[in-house]
Amino acid sequence: MKAALINSQNTVENIIVWNDGDVWAGTERVVVLQDSDSVGVGFTYNGGTSFTKPEVPEVPDTKSYKFKRLAEYPPTAEQLDTIFHEGLDVWKEQIQAIKDKYPKEVE
């Protein structure tokens, strides 16, 4: 039968094949899973046979204007060099060209 190894933070560390009497060192508890349980590593154990799937972190939209601008802006040292040697107005023109190329999205 399958079992979940639960750590002290009530998180599933591993799914194993369990035989009654097996001992797993360093594991807070072992929960025998029903065949229908779909439980995986990282799930939270809520007691009994209840588990919660971990939330998937939101992935940033790499197609947004922010990421496109960041990818095109020159490195900070280069920008400072432009300001020092060519002046603030030249730097502003270069940055504004990128902002114009990737305008803010209307929400």
Protein backbone atom coordinates (compact mmCIF):
# COMPACT_ATOMS: atom_id res chain seq x y z
CA MET A 1 0.00 0.00 0.00
CA LYS A 2 1.07 3.61 -0.48
CA ALA A 3 1.82 5.95 2.39
CA ALA A 4 2.85 9.57 2.82
CA LEU A 5 5.80 10.49 5.02
CA ILE A 6 4.83 13.66 6.93
CA ASN A 7 7.46 15.97 8.47
CA SER A 8 7.11 18.17 11.58
CA GLN A 9 5.70 21.04 9.46
CA ASN A 10 2.85 18.74 8.33
CA THR A 11 4.22 18.63 4.80
CA VAL A 12 4.44 15.47 2.69
CA GLU A 13 8.14 14.67 2.25
CA ASN A 14 7.76 11.50 0.22
CA ILE A 15 5.31 8.90 -1.04
CA ILE A 16 6.45 5.34 -0.32
CA VAL A 17 5.35 1.73 -0.55
CA TRP A 18 4.43 0.91 3.02
CA ASN A 19 4.42 -2.44 4.79
CA ASP A 20 2.93 -2.55 8.29
CA GLY A 21 5.73 -2.45 10.81
CA ASP A 22 8.13 -0.42 8.63
CA VAL A 23 9.97 2.29 10.55
CA TRP A 24 11.07 5.53 8.89
CA ALA A 25 13.66 7.46 10.93
CA GLY A 26 13.26 11.22 11.07
CA THR A 27 9.66 11.15 9.96
CA GLU A 28 7.05 12.72 12.21
CA ARG A 29 4.28 10.38 11.01
CA VAL A 30 3.26 7.99 8.27
CA VAL A 31 -0.22 8.26 6.76
CA VAL A 32 -1.54 5.31 4.76
CA LEU A 33 -3.15 6.54 1.55
CA GLN A 34 -6.29 5.23 -0.06
CA ASP A 35 -5.94 4.16 -3.70
CA SER A 36 -8.10 7.09 -4.74
CA ASP A 37 -5.97 9.68 -2.90
CA SER A 38 -4.00 11.92 -5.19
CA VAL A 39 -1.35 13.26 -2.87
CA GLY A 40 2.14 14.44 -3.76
CA VAL A 41 5.32 15.77 -2.24
CA GLY A 42 4.77 19.27 -0.88
CA PHE A 43 1.10 18.75 0.00
CA THR A 44 0.00 19.83 3.49
CA TYR A 45 -1.40 17.16 5.79
CA ASN A 46 -4.58 18.40 7.52
CA GLY A 47 -5.27 15.32 9.64
CA GLY A 48 -7.14 12.10 8.97
CA THR A 49 -7.07 11.56 5.23
CA SER A 50 -7.22 15.26 4.33
CA PHE A 51 -4.44 16.89 2.29
CA THR A 52 -4.17 20.31 0.66
CA LYS A 53 -2.37 20.84 -2.61
CA PRO A 54 0.29 23.57 -2.43
CA GLU A 55 -0.50 26.86 -4.16
CA VAL A 56 1.42 27.44 -7.34
CA PRO A 57 3.17 30.81 -7.24
CA GLU A 58 2.00 33.29 -9.82
CA VAL A 59 4.33 33.42 -12.80
CA PRO A 60 5.11 36.95 -13.97
CA ASP A 61 3.82 37.88 -17.40
CA THR A 62 7.05 38.17 -19.36
CA LYS A 63 5.09 39.64 -22.25
CA SER A 64 4.08 42.70 -20.24
CA TYR A 65 5.52 46.11 -21.02
CA LYS A 66 7.50 46.08 -17.74
CA PHE A 67 9.54 43.03 -18.67
CA LYS A 68 10.02 44.17 -22.26
CA ARG A 69 11.30 47.54 -21.04
CA LEU A 70 13.61 45.95 -18.48
CA ALA A 71 15.09 43.69 -21.12
CA GLU A 72 15.86 46.66 -23.36
CA TYR A 73 17.07 49.26 -20.86
CA PRO A 74 20.86 49.62 -20.87
CA PRO A 75 22.69 48.53 -17.70
CA THR A 76 22.73 51.16 -14.93
CA ALA A 77 26.47 51.85 -15.34
CA GLU A 78 25.91 52.56 -19.04
CA GLN A 79 23.02 54.89 -18.26
CA LEU A 80 25.13 56.81 -15.74
CA ASP A 81 27.95 57.04 -18.26
CA THR A 82 25.52 58.49 -20.84
CA ILE A 83 24.30 61.08 -18.34
CA PHE A 84 27.87 62.06 -17.40
CA HIS A 85 29.30 62.27 -20.94
CA GLU A 86 26.28 63.23 -23.05
CA GLY A 87 23.94 64.86 -20.58
CA LEU A 88 20.60 64.20 -18.99
CA ASP A 89 18.59 65.16 -22.07
CA VAL A 90 20.28 62.49 -24.23
CA TRP A 91 19.66 59.88 -21.54
CA LYS A 92 16.00 60.93 -21.29
CA GLU A 93 15.61 60.57 -25.07
CA GLN A 94 17.08 57.05 -25.00
CA ILE A 95 14.84 55.96 -22.13
CA GLN A 96 11.76 57.63 -23.63
CA ALA A 97 12.32 55.76 -26.92
CA ILE A 98 12.07 52.46 -25.02
CA LYS A 99 9.01 53.66 -23.08
CA ASP A 100 7.36 54.69 -26.36
CA LYS A 101 8.21 51.32 -27.93
CA TYR A 102 6.55 49.48 -25.01
CA PRO A 103 3.76 51.74 -23.67
CA LYS A 104 1.93 50.99 -20.44
CA GLU A 105 -1.05 48.73 -20.92
CA VAL A 106 -4.47 50.23 -20.30
CA GLU A 107 -6.25 48.35 -17.53
